[in-house]
């Protein structure tokens, strides 16, 4: 889809992407730009990849903002609305996980608060700020990146799974309220993705490997083997799905969650 096989209906549209500096968020940003959208990318730390896109002439604005703060998401959305005179698409991508290798009893209230702030409240706050603009268009779209852990309980990520379950439920509930107002709300639930969240120096593979006394590569290989395809999903593959839902060609799709995990989870 990022190869422009057909028209997504995103040309000239205004879009906000949270957590856009790397990984899935960066891939979504690149895809939106390739489809002709005007993108405002929210990221805590400005990345070289985003700056390179601007140097190449992309219609991209980068807003450095901490989306974990109460005012961060609103600041991002306000900047986009002021710059483009409104908003057509919101992609709630920002999220984070810390493996709880010491178990549930070692997972503190502060840990739970951090996880829900990053994985639920950042999306709730961005959506709250964006919704009036999306309703005003009569054709607004929200796509939220959740996780297979919303339906795949795992004690290693017990707080993350609970947060993603709440996030997916939030999207479904909101879709019922705002559908009659012309706003479509969908979510995408990836399994392990080839990003720094899994492969990075502070990623899942390193943390789990250290607790088990095995190499991070072995942890990643074991996780990949759980998919029937035998590999991690690529960020661009998640982005293609996000773009389809953000575009006008998915015009009557709302309230749905789309799993992209290489067949890792069983259908429910």
C-alpha atoms as a PDB file:
ATOM      1  CA  UNK A   1       0.000   0.000   0.000  1.00  0.00           C
ATOM      2  CA  UNK A   2       2.881   2.333   0.741  1.00  0.00           C
ATOM      3  CA  UNK A   3       3.830   1.642  -2.861  1.00  0.00           C
ATOM      4  CA  UNK A   4       0.713   3.563  -3.936  1.00  0.00           C
ATOM      5  CA  UNK A   5      -1.054   0.525  -5.394  1.00  0.00           C
ATOM      6  CA  UNK A   6      -4.296   2.451  -5.010  1.00  0.00           C
ATOM      7  CA  UNK A   7      -5.490   5.818  -3.769  1.00  0.00           C
ATOM      8  CA  UNK A   8      -5.943   5.955  -0.005  1.00  0.00           C
ATOM      9  CA  UNK A   9      -7.729   9.278  -0.157  1.00  0.00           C
ATOM     10  CA  UNK A  10      -5.167  10.895   2.132  1.00  0.00           C
ATOM     11  CA  UNK A  11      -3.768  13.534  -0.214  1.00  0.00           C
ATOM     12  CA  UNK A  12      -3.991  16.969   1.384  1.00  0.00           C
ATOM     13  CA  UNK A  13      -5.288  15.532   4.666  1.00  0.00           C
ATOM     14  CA  UNK A  14      -3.943  16.715   8.002  1.00  0.00           C
ATOM     15  CA  UNK A  15      -2.667  13.971  10.321  1.00  0.00           C
ATOM     16  CA  UNK A  16      -1.125  13.742  13.782  1.00  0.00           C
ATOM     17  CA  UNK A  17       1.061  10.782  14.731  1.00  0.00           C
ATOM     18  CA  UNK A  18       2.165  10.234  18.329  1.00  0.00           C
ATOM     19  CA  UNK A  19       5.446   8.499  19.102  1.00  0.00           C
ATOM     20  CA  UNK A  20       6.603   9.263  15.581  1.00  0.00           C
ATOM     21  CA  UNK A  21      10.367   9.335  16.037  1.00  0.00           C
ATOM     22  CA  UNK A  22      11.086   5.679  15.378  1.00  0.00           C
ATOM     23  CA  UNK A  23       9.619   2.237  14.849  1.00  0.00           C
ATOM     24  CA  UNK A  24       5.950   1.936  13.942  1.00  0.00           C
ATOM     25  CA  UNK A  25       5.328   5.665  14.401  1.00  0.00           C
ATOM     26  CA  UNK A  26       8.082   6.580  11.974  1.00  0.00           C
ATOM     27  CA  UNK A  27       6.840   4.027   9.429  1.00  0.00           C
ATOM     28  CA  UNK A  28       3.297   5.432   9.714  1.00  0.00           C
ATOM     29  CA  UNK A  29       4.629   8.967   9.271  1.00  0.00           C
ATOM     30  CA  UNK A  30       6.553   7.936   6.158  1.00  0.00           C
ATOM     31  CA  UNK A  31       3.501   6.194   4.748  1.00  0.00           C
ATOM     32  CA  UNK A  32       1.193   9.143   5.363  1.00  0.00           C
ATOM     33  CA  UNK A  33       3.646  11.492   3.681  1.00  0.00           C
ATOM     34  CA  UNK A  34       3.980   9.152   0.701  1.00  0.00           C
ATOM     35  CA  UNK A  35       0.179   9.182   0.415  1.00  0.00           C
ATOM     36  CA  UNK A  36       0.178  12.993   0.228  1.00  0.00           C
ATOM     37  CA  UNK A  37      -0.894  13.815   3.776  1.00  0.00           C
ATOM     38  CA  UNK A  38       0.423  16.719   5.823  1.00  0.00           C
ATOM     39  CA  UNK A  39       1.833  15.252   9.016  1.00  0.00           C
ATOM     40  CA  UNK A  40       2.537  16.663  12.464  1.00  0.00           C
ATOM     41  CA  UNK A  41       4.788  14.194  14.265  1.00  0.00           C
ATOM     42  CA  UNK A  42       4.876  14.134  18.052  1.00  0.00           C
ATOM     43  CA  UNK A  43       8.027  12.798  19.663  1.00  0.00           C
ATOM     44  CA  UNK A  44       9.823  13.318  22.969  1.00  0.00           C
ATOM     45  CA  UNK A  45      13.208  13.311  21.253  1.00  0.00           C
ATOM     46  CA  UNK A  46      13.658  14.619  17.729  1.00  0.00           C
ATOM     47  CA  UNK A  47      15.127  11.895  15.512  1.00  0.00           C
ATOM     48  CA  UNK A  48      17.517  12.091  12.592  1.00  0.00           C
ATOM     49  CA  UNK A  49      15.048  10.080  10.514  1.00  0.00           C
ATOM     50  CA  UNK A  50      12.367  12.751  10.893  1.00  0.00           C
ATOM     51  CA  UNK A  51      14.824  15.531  10.099  1.00  0.00           C
ATOM     52  CA  UNK A  52      15.896  13.658   6.968  1.00  0.00           C
ATOM     53  CA  UNK A  53      12.280  13.581   5.784  1.00  0.00           C
ATOM     54  CA  UNK A  54      12.047  17.348   6.202  1.00  0.00           C
ATOM     55  CA  UNK A  55      15.298  17.827   4.285  1.00  0.00           C
ATOM     56  CA  UNK A  56      13.795  15.774   1.475  1.00  0.00           C
ATOM     57  CA  UNK A  57      10.930  18.256   1.246  1.00  0.00           C
ATOM     58  CA  UNK A  58       8.251  16.314   3.100  1.00  0.00           C
ATOM     59  CA  UNK A  59       5.278  18.290   4.381  1.00  0.00           C
ATOM     60  CA  UNK A  60       6.186  17.345   7.920  1.00  0.00           C
ATOM     61  CA  UNK A  61       6.269  19.297  11.171  1.00  0.00           C
ATOM     62  CA  UNK A  62       7.975  17.823  14.224  1.00  0.00           C
ATOM     63  CA  UNK A  63       6.736  18.772  17.679  1.00  0.00           C
ATOM     64  CA  UNK A  64       9.007  17.783  20.533  1.00  0.00           C
ATOM     65  CA  UNK A  65       6.693  16.962  23.410  1.00  0.00           C
ATOM     66  CA  UNK A  66       6.489  14.559  26.323  1.00  0.00           C
ATOM     67  CA  UNK A  67       3.253  12.687  25.660  1.00  0.00           C
ATOM     68  CA  UNK A  68       3.345  11.171  29.148  1.00  0.00           C
ATOM     69  CA  UNK A  69       2.533  14.540  30.696  1.00  0.00           C
ATOM     70  CA  UNK A  70      -1.083  15.646  31.208  1.00  0.00           C
ATOM     71  CA  UNK A  71      -0.720  18.565  28.764  1.00  0.00           C
ATOM     72  CA  UNK A  72       1.604  16.951  26.212  1.00  0.00           C
ATOM     73  CA  UNK A  73      -0.987  15.399  23.877  1.00  0.00           C
ATOM     74  CA  UNK A  74      -3.123  18.546  23.875  1.00  0.00           C
ATOM     75  CA  UNK A  75      -0.077  20.639  23.010  1.00  0.00           C
ATOM     76  CA  UNK A  76       0.642  18.401  20.017  1.00  0.00           C
ATOM     77  CA  UNK A  77      -2.924  18.441  18.713  1.00  0.00           C
ATOM     78  CA  UNK A  78      -3.241  22.200  19.180  1.00  0.00           C
ATOM     79  CA  UNK A  79      -0.057  22.759  17.164  1.00  0.00           C
ATOM     80  CA  UNK A  80      -1.412  20.634  14.310  1.00  0.00           C
ATOM     81  CA  UNK A  81      -4.832  22.290  14.308  1.00  0.00           C
ATOM     82  CA  UNK A  82      -3.298  25.763  14.278  1.00  0.00           C
ATOM     83  CA  UNK A  83      -0.843  24.886  11.529  1.00  0.00           C
ATOM     84  CA  UNK A  84      -3.325  23.196   9.198  1.00  0.00           C
ATOM     85  CA  UNK A  85      -6.599  24.780  10.261  1.00  0.00           C
ATOM     86  CA  UNK A  86      -8.031  21.497  11.494  1.00  0.00           C
ATOM     87  CA  UNK A  87      -7.375  17.795  11.699  1.00  0.00           C
ATOM     88  CA  UNK A  88      -8.516  14.785   9.656  1.00  0.00           C
ATOM     89  CA  UNK A  89      -6.575  11.869  11.123  1.00  0.00           C
ATOM     90  CA  UNK A  90      -5.171  10.978  14.541  1.00  0.00           C
ATOM     91  CA  UNK A  91      -2.825   8.018  14.912  1.00  0.00           C
ATOM     92  CA  UNK A  92      -2.337   7.078  18.564  1.00  0.00           C
ATOM     93  CA  UNK A  93       0.893   5.148  18.370  1.00  0.00           C
ATOM     94  CA  UNK A  94       2.920   6.093  21.438  1.00  0.00           C
ATOM     95  CA  UNK A  95       3.365   3.284  23.950  1.00  0.00           C
ATOM     96  CA  UNK A  96       5.981   1.491  26.005  1.00  0.00           C
ATOM     97  CA  UNK A  97       6.605  -1.714  27.922  1.00  0.00           C
ATOM     98  CA  UNK A  98       8.900  -2.783  30.735  1.00  0.00           C
ATOM     99  CA  UNK A  99       9.086  -6.544  31.246  1.00  0.00           C
ATOM    100  CA  UNK A 100       8.296  -7.480  34.861  1.00  0.00           C
ATOM    101  CA  UNK A 101      10.976 -10.132  35.215  1.00  0.00           C
ATOM    102  CA  UNK A 102      10.653 -10.149  39.020  1.00  0.00           C
ATOM    103  CA  UNK A 103       6.954 -10.965  38.926  1.00  0.00           C
ATOM    104  CA  UNK A 104       3.680  -9.368  39.943  1.00  0.00           C
ATOM    105  CA  UNK A 105       4.570  -8.675  43.576  1.00  0.00           C
ATOM    106  CA  UNK A 106       7.546  -6.597  42.472  1.00  0.00           C
ATOM    107  CA  UNK A 107       5.355  -4.482  40.180  1.00  0.00           C
ATOM    108  CA  UNK A 108       4.584  -1.354  42.182  1.00  0.00           C
ATOM    109  CA  UNK A 109       1.806   1.208  41.992  1.00  0.00           C
ATOM    110  CA  UNK A 110       4.288   3.532  40.295  1.00  0.00           C
ATOM    111  CA  UNK A 111       4.963   0.855  37.676  1.00  0.00           C
ATOM    112  CA  UNK A 112       1.251   0.447  36.993  1.00  0.00           C
ATOM    113  CA  UNK A 113       0.764   4.224  36.833  1.00  0.00           C
ATOM    114  CA  UNK A 114       3.617   4.593  34.332  1.00  0.00           C
ATOM    115  CA  UNK A 115       2.299   1.805  32.118  1.00  0.00           C
ATOM    116  CA  UNK A 116      -1.262   3.129  32.045  1.00  0.00           C
ATOM    117  CA  UNK A 117      -0.060   6.678  31.442  1.00  0.00           C
ATOM    118  CA  UNK A 118       2.049   5.640  28.455  1.00  0.00           C
ATOM    119  CA  UNK A 119      -0.343   3.131  26.945  1.00  0.00           C
ATOM    120  CA  UNK A 120      -3.804   4.448  27.815  1.00  0.00           C
ATOM    121  CA  UNK A 121      -3.853   8.021  29.039  1.00  0.00           C
ATOM    122  CA  UNK A 122      -1.604   9.397  26.280  1.00  0.00           C
ATOM    123  CA  UNK A 123      -4.131   8.102  23.735  1.00  0.00           C
ATOM    124  CA  UNK A 124      -7.125   9.229  25.788  1.00  0.00           C
ATOM    125  CA  UNK A 125      -5.725  12.747  26.111  1.00  0.00           C
ATOM    126  CA  UNK A 126      -4.753  13.027  22.447  1.00  0.00           C
ATOM    127  CA  UNK A 127      -8.186  11.768  21.424  1.00  0.00           C
ATOM    128  CA  UNK A 128      -9.958  14.178  23.752  1.00  0.00           C
ATOM    129  CA  UNK A 129      -8.084  17.100  22.215  1.00  0.00           C
ATOM    130  CA  UNK A 130      -8.449  15.920  18.618  1.00  0.00           C
ATOM    131  CA  UNK A 131     -12.093  14.887  18.673  1.00  0.00           C
ATOM    132  CA  UNK A 132     -13.702  18.341  18.209  1.00  0.00           C
ATOM    133  CA  UNK A 133     -11.538  18.877  15.108  1.00  0.00           C
ATOM    134  CA  UNK A 134     -12.310  15.400  13.764  1.00  0.00           C
ATOM    135  CA  UNK A 135     -16.037  15.869  14.273  1.00  0.00           C
ATOM    136  CA  UNK A 136     -15.881  19.227  12.496  1.00  0.00           C
ATOM    137  CA  UNK A 137     -14.597  17.560   9.325  1.00  0.00           C
ATOM    138  CA  UNK A 138     -17.546  15.156   9.211  1.00  0.00           C
ATOM    139  CA  UNK A 139     -15.070  12.473   8.136  1.00  0.00           C
ATOM    140  CA  UNK A 140     -12.527  12.119  10.938  1.00  0.00           C
ATOM    141  CA  UNK A 141     -10.498   8.996  11.566  1.00  0.00           C
ATOM    142  CA  UNK A 142      -8.707   7.685  14.649  1.00  0.00           C
ATOM    143  CA  UNK A 143      -6.375   4.692  14.450  1.00  0.00           C
ATOM    144  CA  UNK A 144      -4.796   3.449  17.666  1.00  0.00           C
ATOM    145  CA  UNK A 145      -1.912   1.012  17.956  1.00  0.00           C
ATOM    146  CA  UNK A 146      -2.720  -1.521  20.674  1.00  0.00           C
ATOM    147  CA  UNK A 147      -1.143  -4.979  21.073  1.00  0.00           C
ATOM    148  CA  UNK A 148      -1.910  -8.689  20.903  1.00  0.00           C
ATOM    149  CA  UNK A 149      -1.257  -8.629  24.644  1.00  0.00           C
ATOM    150  CA  UNK A 150      -4.685  -7.039  24.978  1.00  0.00           C
ATOM    151  CA  UNK A 151      -6.012 -10.572  24.422  1.00  0.00           C
ATOM    152  CA  UNK A 152      -2.882 -12.603  25.170  1.00  0.00           C
ATOM    153  CA  UNK A 153      -2.288 -12.417  28.951  1.00  0.00           C
ATOM    154  CA  UNK A 154       1.366 -12.814  29.880  1.00  0.00           C
ATOM    155  CA  UNK A 155       2.708 -12.393  33.428  1.00  0.00           C
ATOM    156  CA  UNK A 156       5.947 -11.023  32.009  1.00  0.00           C
ATOM    157  CA  UNK A 157       4.021  -7.941  30.819  1.00  0.00           C
ATOM    158  CA  UNK A 158       1.083  -8.112  33.204  1.00  0.00           C
ATOM    159  CA  UNK A 159       0.572  -4.352  33.486  1.00  0.00           C
ATOM    160  CA  UNK A 160       1.167  -3.740  29.778  1.00  0.00           C
ATOM    161  CA  UNK A 161      -1.393  -6.366  28.766  1.00  0.00           C
ATOM    162  CA  UNK A 162      -3.985  -4.898  31.115  1.00  0.00           C
ATOM    163  CA  UNK A 163      -3.315  -1.417  29.757  1.00  0.00           C
ATOM    164  CA  UNK A 164      -3.614  -2.528  26.142  1.00  0.00           C
ATOM    165  CA  UNK A 165      -6.854  -4.360  26.920  1.00  0.00           C
ATOM    166  CA  UNK A 166      -8.200  -1.122  28.374  1.00  0.00           C
ATOM    167  CA  UNK A 167      -7.002   0.776  25.299  1.00  0.00           C
ATOM    168  CA  UNK A 168      -8.714  -1.593  22.860  1.00  0.00           C
ATOM    169  CA  UNK A 169     -11.928  -1.437  24.881  1.00  0.00           C
ATOM    170  CA  UNK A 170     -11.740   2.366  24.921  1.00  0.00           C
ATOM    171  CA  UNK A 171     -11.493   2.465  21.124  1.00  0.00           C
ATOM    172  CA  UNK A 172     -14.498   0.190  20.671  1.00  0.00           C
ATOM    173  CA  UNK A 173     -16.627   2.168  23.130  1.00  0.00           C
ATOM    174  CA  UNK A 174     -15.672   5.495  21.588  1.00  0.00           C
ATOM    175  CA  UNK A 175     -16.499   4.243  18.102  1.00  0.00           C
ATOM    176  CA  UNK A 176     -20.086   3.702  19.175  1.00  0.00           C
ATOM    177  CA  UNK A 177     -20.419   7.267  20.435  1.00  0.00           C
ATOM    178  CA  UNK A 178     -18.755   9.173  17.618  1.00  0.00           C
ATOM    179  CA  UNK A 179     -19.698   7.039  14.615  1.00  0.00           C
ATOM    180  CA  UNK A 180     -22.966   8.958  14.112  1.00  0.00           C
ATOM    181  CA  UNK A 181     -20.893  12.174  14.130  1.00  0.00           C
ATOM    182  CA  UNK A 182     -18.788  11.027  11.198  1.00  0.00           C
ATOM    183  CA  UNK A 183     -15.704   9.848  13.085  1.00  0.00           C
ATOM    184  CA  UNK A 184     -14.405   6.304  12.599  1.00  0.00           C
ATOM    185  CA  UNK A 185     -12.341   4.678  15.362  1.00  0.00           C
ATOM    186  CA  UNK A 186     -10.302   1.503  14.866  1.00  0.00           C
ATOM    187  CA  UNK A 187      -7.333  -0.178  16.493  1.00  0.00           C
ATOM    188  CA  UNK A 188      -4.443  -2.303  15.281  1.00  0.00           C
ATOM    189  CA  UNK A 189      -2.899  -4.985  17.487  1.00  0.00           C
ATOM    190  CA  UNK A 190       0.589  -6.113  16.451  1.00  0.00           C
ATOM    191  CA  UNK A 191       2.491  -9.009  17.869  1.00  0.00           C
ATOM    192  CA  UNK A 192       6.275  -8.605  18.222  1.00  0.00           C
ATOM    193  CA  UNK A 193       7.525  -5.999  15.755  1.00  0.00           C
ATOM    194  CA  UNK A 194      11.060  -5.487  14.490  1.00  0.00           C
ATOM    195  CA  UNK A 195      11.629  -2.280  16.483  1.00  0.00           C
ATOM    196  CA  UNK A 196      13.817  -1.033  19.316  1.00  0.00           C
ATOM    197  CA  UNK A 197      11.017  -1.867  21.763  1.00  0.00           C
ATOM    198  CA  UNK A 198      12.002  -5.479  21.180  1.00  0.00           C
ATOM    199  CA  UNK A 199      15.512  -5.297  19.778  1.00  0.00           C
ATOM    200  CA  UNK A 200      16.905  -2.114  21.378  1.00  0.00           C
ATOM    201  CA  UNK A 201      19.458  -1.792  24.173  1.00  0.00           C
ATOM    202  CA  UNK A 202      16.611  -1.322  26.661  1.00  0.00           C
ATOM    203  CA  UNK A 203      14.203  -3.576  24.812  1.00  0.00           C
ATOM    204  CA  UNK A 204      12.277  -6.675  25.785  1.00  0.00           C
ATOM    205  CA  UNK A 205      14.841  -9.144  24.433  1.00  0.00           C
ATOM    206  CA  UNK A 206      17.681  -7.638  26.486  1.00  0.00           C
ATOM    207  CA  UNK A 207      15.644  -7.443  29.697  1.00  0.00           C
ATOM    208  CA  UNK A 208      14.297 -10.965  29.424  1.00  0.00           C
ATOM    209  CA  UNK A 209      17.637 -12.360  28.306  1.00  0.00           C
ATOM    210  CA  UNK A 210      19.395 -10.836  31.311  1.00  0.00           C
ATOM    211  CA  UNK A 211      16.862 -12.356  33.714  1.00  0.00           C
ATOM    212  CA  UNK A 212      17.176 -15.808  32.147  1.00  0.00           C
ATOM    213  CA  UNK A 213      20.898 -15.716  31.515  1.00  0.00           C
ATOM    214  CA  UNK A 214      20.522 -16.146  27.765  1.00  0.00           C
ATOM    215  CA  UNK A 215      21.447 -14.017  24.767  1.00  0.00           C
ATOM    216  CA  UNK A 216      18.889 -11.391  23.638  1.00  0.00           C
ATOM    217  CA  UNK A 217      18.994 -12.928  20.173  1.00  0.00           C
ATOM    218  CA  UNK A 218      17.773 -16.234  21.613  1.00  0.00           C
ATOM    219  CA  UNK A 219      14.849 -14.491  23.296  1.00  0.00           C
ATOM    220  CA  UNK A 220      13.905 -12.773  20.037  1.00  0.00           C
ATOM    221  CA  UNK A 221      14.210 -16.005  18.063  1.00  0.00           C
ATOM    222  CA  UNK A 222      11.927 -17.809  20.518  1.00  0.00           C
ATOM    223  CA  UNK A 223       9.331 -15.052  20.249  1.00  0.00           C
ATOM    224  CA  UNK A 224       9.511 -15.047  16.459  1.00  0.00           C
ATOM    225  CA  UNK A 225       9.049 -18.824  16.379  1.00  0.00           C
ATOM    226  CA  UNK A 226       5.646 -18.423  18.085  1.00  0.00           C
ATOM    227  CA  UNK A 227       4.322 -16.884  14.858  1.00  0.00           C
ATOM    228  CA  UNK A 228       3.362 -19.350  12.135  1.00  0.00           C
ATOM    229  CA  UNK A 229       5.307 -17.167   9.725  1.00  0.00           C
ATOM    230  CA  UNK A 230       8.382 -17.606  11.922  1.00  0.00           C
ATOM    231  CA  UNK A 231       9.324 -13.943  12.042  1.00  0.00           C
ATOM    232  CA  UNK A 232       8.569 -10.568  13.586  1.00  0.00           C
ATOM    233  CA  UNK A 233       6.246  -8.161  11.834  1.00  0.00           C
ATOM    234  CA  UNK A 234       7.962  -5.273  10.063  1.00  0.00           C
ATOM    235  CA  UNK A 235       7.039  -1.688  11.037  1.00  0.00           C
ATOM    236  CA  UNK A 236       6.094  -0.969   7.414  1.00  0.00           C
ATOM    237  CA  UNK A 237       3.570  -3.816   7.501  1.00  0.00           C
ATOM    238  CA  UNK A 238       1.851  -2.340  10.540  1.00  0.00           C
ATOM    239  CA  UNK A 239       1.962   1.073   8.868  1.00  0.00           C
ATOM    240  CA  UNK A 240       0.225  -0.267   5.758  1.00  0.00           C
ATOM    241  CA  UNK A 241      -2.657  -1.487   7.895  1.00  0.00           C
ATOM    242  CA  UNK A 242      -2.825   1.806   9.795  1.00  0.00           C
ATOM    243  CA  UNK A 243      -2.888   3.758   6.525  1.00  0.00           C
ATOM    244  CA  UNK A 244      -5.727   1.669   5.145  1.00  0.00           C
ATOM    245  CA  UNK A 245      -7.818   2.436   8.234  1.00  0.00           C
ATOM    246  CA  UNK A 246      -6.802   6.104   8.205  1.00  0.00           C
ATOM    247  CA  UNK A 247      -7.743   6.463   4.552  1.00  0.00           C
ATOM    248  CA  UNK A 248     -11.107   6.941   2.930  1.00  0.00           C
ATOM    249  CA  UNK A 249     -11.090   3.564   1.182  1.00  0.00           C
ATOM    250  CA  UNK A 250     -12.031   1.908   4.503  1.00  0.00           C
ATOM    251  CA  UNK A 251     -15.100   4.111   4.638  1.00  0.00           C
ATOM    252  CA  UNK A 252     -17.490   1.867   6.604  1.00  0.00           C
ATOM    253  CA  UNK A 253     -14.954   0.224   8.904  1.00  0.00           C
ATOM    254  CA  UNK A 254     -15.228   1.343  12.511  1.00  0.00           C
ATOM    255  CA  UNK A 255     -15.127  -0.200  15.972  1.00  0.00           C
ATOM    256  CA  UNK A 256     -12.800  -2.951  14.785  1.00  0.00           C
ATOM    257  CA  UNK A 257      -9.480  -4.270  16.040  1.00  0.00           C
ATOM    258  CA  UNK A 258      -7.095  -5.783  13.500  1.00  0.00           C
ATOM    259  CA  UNK A 259      -4.484  -8.288  14.663  1.00  0.00           C
ATOM    260  CA  UNK A 260      -1.193  -8.433  12.767  1.00  0.00           C
ATOM    261  CA  UNK A 261       0.977 -11.038  14.449  1.00  0.00           C
ATOM    262  CA  UNK A 262       1.970 -13.648  11.856  1.00  0.00           C
ATOM    263  CA  UNK A 263      -0.707 -16.013  13.158  1.00  0.00           C
ATOM    264  CA  UNK A 264       0.670 -16.050  16.707  1.00  0.00           C
ATOM    265  CA  UNK A 265      -2.692 -15.817  18.456  1.00  0.00           C
ATOM    266  CA  UNK A 266      -5.724 -17.995  17.933  1.00  0.00           C
ATOM    267  CA  UNK A 267      -8.918 -16.379  16.657  1.00  0.00           C
ATOM    268  CA  UNK A 268     -11.329 -15.436  19.433  1.00  0.00           C
END
